Amino acid sequence: MAEYLKLSSDSKLEEIFSYEESAAVFDRILPGMRAMLEQNKAGLRYSVRKLAEFSRGAVSETAIDRLDAELKLLRIVRENSAEYTEMQPLTACASAQIIPERQTAIYPGKPWYDTEGKRIQTHGGAVFYENGIYYWYGENKDRTDGKCAVWTWGIRAYASEDLYNWKDLGLIIHPDLKNPDSGLYPEKHVDRPHILKSRTTGKYVCWIKQSGEEACFLILEADAFTGPYTLVKENYRPFGHAVGDFDLIQKEENTYLFMDADHKGILGLRISDDLHDAAEEISMQY
């Protein structure tokens, strides 16, 4: 296991291929390459970086960087797959333990810390208000350092009564560490969660945009705002449209979704009463 955790593009190919998960990463980044290499067993003693020197461009620096990032992500996932509900931040800025005094103002441009002295992680966030409590939630980036493939490590939420002082409630939506194809896998580009409460079902429903080639929604549901959330839909494209930036607006009678559709305009849709899908198109602007 120790050797497995140290794998990188400098590792011998035979070492990378010794583990099913790292071999799968190699195959995804360099499809068909392993079959060619296994015909020449001597080549398995080279590293990917060494292989690139002899490949005449077949293995690019971009592929090498991607492999390093993927193997680092795999290492993080394996190190934390047993228990990831109480993860500590990896990045230096996120792990700074500064115990703040009770705040009486908001200071734009300065780091904002929760009541335990950790930097607030609500990227692409929003605020939900219920029963005198404000809930601030967003993408948890405490494991995103720009060097590995971790994009978002779940959705984190905080609670406050005054909008100044925020108590960390932890991850209300956890990353899926077992399925690389899941929209909640840390490498997937999930952005800007929106949570509303259905007046019909009483359930809390979260819509999350997954950007990149997928350009779709993930929709999750819970009995309480803080979860646990279960997946209702993934790879969801309302009426077949690729999903861009979006907003959900809840009015007295209906709930509406406005989204960038196929980068061609802003599409308006009425959402079903259970908030699970788009019921009808109502407008197209621009």
Protein backbone atom coordinates (compact mmCIF):
# COMPACT_ATOMS: atom_id res chain seq x y z
CA MET A 1 0.00 0.00 0.00
CA ALA A 2 2.84 2.41 0.76
CA GLU A 3 4.26 1.95 -2.73
CA TYR A 4 0.80 2.44 -4.20
CA LEU A 5 0.43 5.82 -2.50
CA LYS A 6 3.73 7.02 -3.98
CA LEU A 7 2.87 6.33 -7.61
CA SER A 8 3.46 9.10 -10.15
CA SER A 9 4.57 9.52 -13.76
CA ASP A 10 8.12 8.81 -12.52
CA SER A 11 7.08 5.33 -11.35
CA LYS A 12 7.82 2.31 -13.51
CA LEU A 13 4.95 1.26 -15.73
CA GLU A 14 4.96 -2.23 -14.25
CA GLU A 15 4.33 -0.65 -10.83
CA ILE A 16 1.45 1.44 -12.12
CA PHE A 17 -0.08 -1.60 -13.84
CA SER A 18 0.24 -3.65 -10.64
CA TYR A 19 -2.77 -1.85 -9.15
CA GLU A 20 -6.16 -1.99 -10.82
CA GLU A 21 -7.12 1.59 -9.97
CA SER A 22 -3.89 3.23 -11.13
CA ALA A 23 -3.88 1.08 -14.29
CA ALA A 24 -7.42 2.33 -15.01
CA VAL A 25 -6.20 5.93 -14.64
CA PHE A 26 -3.38 5.23 -17.13
CA ASP A 27 -5.83 3.67 -19.61
CA ARG A 28 -8.17 6.64 -19.38
CA ILE A 29 -5.42 9.18 -20.09
CA LEU A 30 -3.48 7.11 -22.65
CA PRO A 31 -6.06 4.76 -24.20
CA GLY A 32 -4.59 1.84 -26.10
CA MET A 33 -1.05 2.52 -24.91
CA ARG A 34 -0.96 -0.30 -22.36
CA ALA A 35 -1.84 -2.93 -24.99
CA MET A 36 1.07 -1.73 -27.12
CA LEU A 37 3.47 -1.75 -24.19
CA GLU A 38 2.55 -5.24 -23.06
CA GLN A 39 3.75 -6.53 -26.42
CA ASN A 40 7.19 -5.25 -25.46
CA LYS A 41 7.75 -6.32 -21.87
CA ALA A 42 11.05 -4.45 -21.67
CA GLY A 43 9.17 -1.18 -21.98
CA LEU A 44 7.34 -1.84 -18.71
CA ARG A 45 10.55 -1.06 -16.85
CA TYR A 46 10.39 2.55 -18.06
CA SER A 47 8.47 5.31 -16.37
CA VAL A 48 5.78 7.27 -18.20
CA ARG A 49 8.08 10.27 -18.25
CA LYS A 50 10.88 8.18 -19.74
CA LEU A 51 8.45 6.67 -22.23
CA ALA A 52 7.57 10.18 -23.41
CA GLU A 53 11.17 10.74 -24.49
CA PHE A 54 10.93 7.83 -26.94
CA SER A 55 7.32 8.30 -28.04
CA ARG A 56 7.95 11.08 -30.56
CA GLY A 57 5.00 13.06 -29.28
CA ALA A 58 2.62 10.17 -28.64
CA VAL A 59 2.88 10.91 -24.92
CA SER A 60 2.60 14.64 -24.36
CA GLU A 61 3.63 16.75 -21.39
CA THR A 62 -0.06 17.51 -20.92
CA ALA A 63 -0.78 13.79 -20.55
CA ILE A 64 2.06 13.43 -18.04
CA ASP A 65 0.76 16.34 -15.96
CA ARG A 66 -2.73 14.89 -16.13
CA LEU A 67 -1.49 11.48 -14.99
CA ASP A 68 0.33 13.02 -12.03
CA ALA A 69 -2.79 14.96 -11.04
CA GLU A 70 -5.04 11.88 -11.36
CA LEU A 71 -2.69 9.67 -9.34
CA LYS A 72 -2.50 12.32 -6.63
CA LEU A 73 -6.29 12.49 -6.54
CA LEU A 74 -6.44 8.69 -6.33
CA ARG A 75 -4.01 8.81 -3.42
CA ILE A 76 -6.14 11.38 -1.58
CA VAL A 77 -9.28 9.37 -2.20
CA ARG A 78 -7.70 6.12 -0.97
CA GLU A 79 -6.24 7.78 2.10
CA ASN A 80 -9.66 9.11 3.07
CA SER A 81 -12.06 6.50 1.73
CA ALA A 82 -12.57 4.78 5.08
CA GLU A 83 -13.83 7.85 6.92
CA TYR A 84 -14.23 11.20 5.26
CA THR A 85 -16.93 12.88 7.35
CA GLU A 86 -14.43 14.60 9.66
CA MET A 87 -11.69 15.53 7.18
CA GLN A 88 -9.15 18.15 8.07
CA PRO A 89 -8.18 20.73 5.43
CA LEU A 90 -5.05 20.01 3.40
CA THR A 91 -4.24 23.49 2.14
CA ALA A 92 -2.21 25.84 4.31
CA CYS A 93 -4.69 28.70 4.00
CA ALA A 94 -7.63 26.48 4.92
CA SER A 95 -5.92 24.93 7.92
CA ALA A 96 -4.94 28.23 9.55
CA GLN A 97 -6.40 28.05 13.04
CA ILE A 98 -7.16 31.65 13.95
CA ILE A 99 -9.73 31.90 16.73
CA PRO A 100 -11.60 35.09 15.92
CA GLU A 101 -13.41 37.37 18.29
CA ARG A 102 -17.15 37.59 17.83
CA GLN A 103 -17.69 39.56 14.65
CA THR A 104 -19.86 42.67 14.50
CA ALA A 105 -19.13 43.59 10.88
CA ILE A 106 -18.20 42.14 7.49
CA TYR A 107 -14.76 43.11 6.12
CA PRO A 108 -14.57 42.82 2.31
CA GLY A 109 -11.21 41.63 1.00
CA LYS A 110 -10.15 39.92 4.23
CA PRO A 111 -10.21 36.18 5.00
CA TRP A 112 -13.44 35.18 6.72
CA TYR A 113 -13.23 32.58 9.48
CA ASP A 114 -15.93 30.48 11.11
CA THR A 115 -16.49 30.34 14.86
CA GLU A 116 -13.78 27.67 15.18
CA GLY A 117 -11.18 29.77 13.38
CA LYS A 118 -11.19 27.90 10.04
CA ARG A 119 -11.60 29.66 6.71
CA ILE A 120 -15.15 29.51 5.44
CA GLN A 121 -15.60 27.17 2.46
CA THR A 122 -18.74 28.20 0.58
CA HIS A 123 -17.49 28.82 -2.95
CA GLY A 124 -20.20 29.48 -5.53
CA GLY A 125 -22.49 29.67 -2.53
CA ALA A 126 -25.99 30.77 -1.59
CA VAL A 127 -27.99 31.49 1.57
CA PHE A 128 -31.10 29.67 2.78
CA TYR A 129 -33.21 31.21 5.57
CA GLU A 130 -35.50 29.24 7.87
CA ASN A 131 -36.85 29.69 11.42
CA GLY A 132 -34.54 32.58 12.29
CA ILE A 133 -31.39 30.81 11.04
CA TYR A 134 -29.36 31.72 7.96
CA TYR A 135 -27.66 28.77 6.25
CA TRP A 136 -24.71 29.66 4.03
CA TYR A 137 -23.66 26.77 1.81
CA GLY A 138 -21.41 26.18 -1.17
CA GLU A 139 -18.55 24.21 -2.71
CA ASN A 140 -16.02 22.90 -0.22
CA LYS A 141 -12.56 23.71 -1.65
CA ASP A 142 -10.37 22.83 1.35
CA ARG A 143 -8.67 20.10 -0.70
CA THR A 144 -8.35 22.08 -3.93
CA ASP A 145 -4.77 23.30 -4.30
CA GLY A 146 -4.40 23.72 -8.06
CA LYS A 147 -1.87 20.88 -8.16
CA CYS A 148 -4.17 17.87 -7.99
CA ALA A 149 -7.42 17.07 -9.79
CA VAL A 150 -9.70 17.75 -6.80
CA TRP A 151 -12.25 20.33 -7.94
CA THR A 152 -14.78 20.22 -5.11
CA TRP A 153 -14.84 18.03 -2.02
CA GLY A 154 -18.55 17.99 -1.33
CA ILE A 155 -20.92 20.78 -0.29
CA ARG A 156 -20.36 22.46 3.08
CA ALA A 157 -22.82 24.55 5.12
CA TYR A 158 -22.66 27.06 7.97
CA ALA A 159 -25.34 28.50 10.28
CA SER A 160 -25.71 32.03 11.65
CA GLU A 161 -28.28 34.23 13.36
CA ASP A 162 -26.61 37.54 12.48
CA LEU A 163 -24.81 36.97 9.12
CA TYR A 164 -21.47 37.87 10.80
CA ASN A 165 -20.63 34.74 12.83
CA TRP A 166 -20.89 31.36 11.14
CA LYS A 167 -20.85 27.92 12.76
CA ASP A 168 -19.51 25.09 10.59
CA LEU A 169 -22.12 22.37 10.07
CA GLY A 170 -19.72 20.20 8.07
CA LEU A 171 -20.41 18.55 4.75
CA ILE A 172 -24.12 18.34 4.00
CA ILE A 173 -23.39 16.58 0.68
CA HIS A 174 -20.40 14.26 0.72
CA PRO A 175 -18.12 13.42 -2.21
CA ASP A 176 -18.52 10.01 -3.80
CA LEU A 177 -15.07 8.46 -3.43
CA LYS A 178 -15.92 5.06 -4.85
CA ASN A 179 -17.30 5.81 -8.30
CA PRO A 180 -15.13 7.91 -10.68
CA ASP A 181 -18.14 8.29 -12.98
CA SER A 182 -20.30 9.87 -10.28
CA GLY A 183 -21.02 13.57 -10.57
CA LEU A 184 -19.95 13.90 -6.92
CA TYR A 185 -16.51 12.38 -7.50
CA PRO A 186 -13.95 15.02 -6.40
CA GLU A 187 -12.56 15.42 -9.91
CA LYS A 188 -15.95 16.32 -11.42
CA HIS A 189 -16.64 20.02 -11.91
CA VAL A 190 -19.71 20.53 -9.75
CA ASP A 191 -20.58 24.18 -9.15
CA ARG A 192 -23.04 26.54 -7.50
CA PRO A 193 -25.48 24.45 -5.46
CA HIS A 194 -29.01 25.83 -5.03
CA ILE A 195 -31.29 24.47 -2.29
CA LEU A 196 -35.05 25.05 -2.06
CA LYS A 197 -37.81 23.46 0.02
CA SER A 198 -40.75 21.94 -1.82
CA ARG A 199 -44.08 23.22 -0.52
CA THR A 200 -45.70 20.02 -1.79
CA THR A 201 -43.42 17.35 -0.34
CA GLY A 202 -41.66 19.28 2.44
CA LYS A 203 -38.36 17.94 1.11
CA TYR A 204 -35.20 19.99 0.64
CA VAL A 205 -34.01 19.74 -2.96
CA CYS A 206 -30.55 20.69 -4.18
CA TRP A 207 -29.68 21.44 -7.81
CA ILE A 208 -25.97 21.47 -8.71
CA LYS A 209 -24.45 22.36 -12.06
CA GLN A 210 -21.84 19.97 -13.44
CA SER A 211 -19.75 21.86 -15.97
CA GLY A 212 -17.34 20.64 -18.61
CA GLU A 213 -18.27 18.24 -21.38
CA GLU A 214 -21.16 16.86 -19.31
CA ALA A 215 -22.89 20.29 -18.85
CA CYS A 216 -25.78 18.90 -16.81
CA PHE A 217 -27.53 19.02 -13.44
CA LEU A 218 -27.28 16.81 -10.38
CA ILE A 219 -30.47 16.85 -8.27
CA LEU A 220 -30.50 15.61 -4.68
CA GLU A 221 -33.13 15.51 -1.94
CA ALA A 222 -33.23 15.37 1.87
CA ASP A 223 -35.70 15.45 4.76
CA ALA A 224 -33.67 18.14 6.54
CA PHE A 225 -31.62 21.04 5.22
CA THR A 226 -28.45 19.54 6.66
CA GLY A 227 -29.09 16.18 4.99
CA PRO A 228 -28.37 13.42 4.40
CA TYR A 229 -29.07 14.02 0.71
CA THR A 230 -29.81 11.23 -1.72
CA LEU A 231 -29.40 11.44 -5.48
CA VAL A 232 -32.63 11.93 -7.44
CA LYS A 233 -31.18 12.60 -10.91
CA GLU A 234 -27.80 12.98 -12.55
CA ASN A 235 -26.74 13.87 -16.07
CA TYR A 236 -30.01 15.82 -16.27
CA ARG A 237 -30.42 18.28 -19.14
CA PRO A 238 -33.82 20.00 -19.14
CA PHE A 239 -35.45 19.32 -22.49
CA GLY A 240 -32.05 18.23 -23.81
CA HIS A 241 -30.29 21.57 -23.29
CA ALA A 242 -26.65 21.75 -22.15
CA VAL A 243 -26.53 23.51 -18.79
CA GLY A 244 -24.67 26.74 -18.04
CA ASP A 245 -24.93 29.16 -15.14
CA PHE A 246 -28.36 29.14 -13.54
CA ASP A 247 -30.66 30.39 -10.81
CA LEU A 248 -33.79 29.04 -9.10
CA ILE A 249 -36.54 31.42 -8.03
CA GLN A 250 -39.40 30.35 -5.79
CA LYS A 251 -42.59 32.44 -6.03
CA GLU A 252 -45.90 32.01 -4.23
CA GLU A 253 -47.41 29.73 -6.87
CA ASN A 254 -44.51 28.36 -8.92
CA THR A 255 -40.77 27.78 -8.94
CA TYR A 256 -38.70 28.85 -11.92
CA LEU A 257 -35.33 27.89 -13.34
CA PHE A 258 -33.37 30.36 -15.47
CA MET A 259 -30.28 28.93 -17.12
CA ASP A 260 -27.78 29.48 -19.88
CA ALA A 261 -28.92 26.93 -22.47
CA ASP A 262 -26.36 25.68 -24.97
CA HIS A 263 -24.58 29.09 -24.75
CA LYS A 264 -27.34 30.45 -27.01
CA GLY A 265 -29.56 32.29 -24.57
CA ILE A 266 -31.19 32.40 -21.15
CA LEU A 267 -33.92 29.78 -20.96
CA GLY A 268 -36.78 30.14 -18.47
CA LEU A 269 -38.54 27.02 -17.22
CA ARG A 270 -41.26 26.25 -14.72
CA ILE A 271 -40.17 23.56 -12.23
CA SER A 272 -42.39 20.70 -11.05
CA ASP A 273 -43.97 20.99 -7.60
CA ASP A 274 -41.61 18.37 -6.15
CA LEU A 275 -38.67 20.38 -7.62
CA HIS A 276 -37.29 17.29 -9.37
CA ASP A 277 -37.42 18.44 -12.99
CA ALA A 278 -38.43 21.10 -15.49
CA ALA A 279 -42.14 21.00 -16.31
CA GLU A 280 -42.30 23.44 -19.23
CA GLU A 281 -40.33 26.08 -21.13
CA ILE A 282 -41.72 29.58 -20.61
CA SER A 283 -39.19 31.97 -22.16
CA MET A 284 -35.97 32.37 -24.14
CA GLN A 285 -34.02 35.61 -23.90
CA TYR A 286 -31.01 36.97 -25.82
